[in-house]
Amino acid sequence: MKQHSVFTLLTAVVVMSIFGSVTGKTPSEPLKVGDPAPDAASADQDGKPVKLSQLYGGAWTLVYFYPKADTPGCTAEACSLRDTFADLTKKGVTVVGVSADKPGAQKAFKDKYHIPFTLLADSDKHVINAFAVPTTLGFASRQSFLIRDGKIVWRDLHASTKEQAADILKVVAAN
């Protein structure tokens, strides 16, 4: 009987975390192409406040979400963007990465892999929630949003790790 109760409890926790119920929130609809880009704020890797509207001024802004700094998939994605950062910049793309990590973890990740763009330490999940990015056990899902003129122009709700930069460059080239 005890084993059955533990299994039932664990199953309930997993199901609730998948649907965001652990935090008491129900899952939101993902932002759609054409929706206004949220203007949330969070601290960057240095602990300095960053308001997203300050980053939307260029031709394009990529806001990408990843689960955890310095993990294999998140490192591959960040390095994909790092390795093509010059090409992205030439096309007018501002890049900002977002996870629920604390500023110290983001700073260590940025320094270790020589990441040339801003990383938001969204431990309070203001940005994550504003973009309606689902979380599982406190970790943001891997999603990307490309913004132009204050509107979402492209989204990837299952963002690639190694191909993220190539995906963005294709979208920018087509527009």
Foldseek 3Di string as FASTA:
>chain_A
DVVVVVVVVVVVLQVCLQQVCVVPDGFDDADDFFAFQDFWWFAWLVRHIDTVVVVQPWQKEKEKEFFFAPDVLQLLQLVLCQVCVVVCVVLGYAYEYEWCADSPSNNCRCVVNVRPHIYGNNVVCRNVVRRSFRGGPRTGATKMFMDGPRGTRDIDNRAGRNCNVVVVVVVSVVD
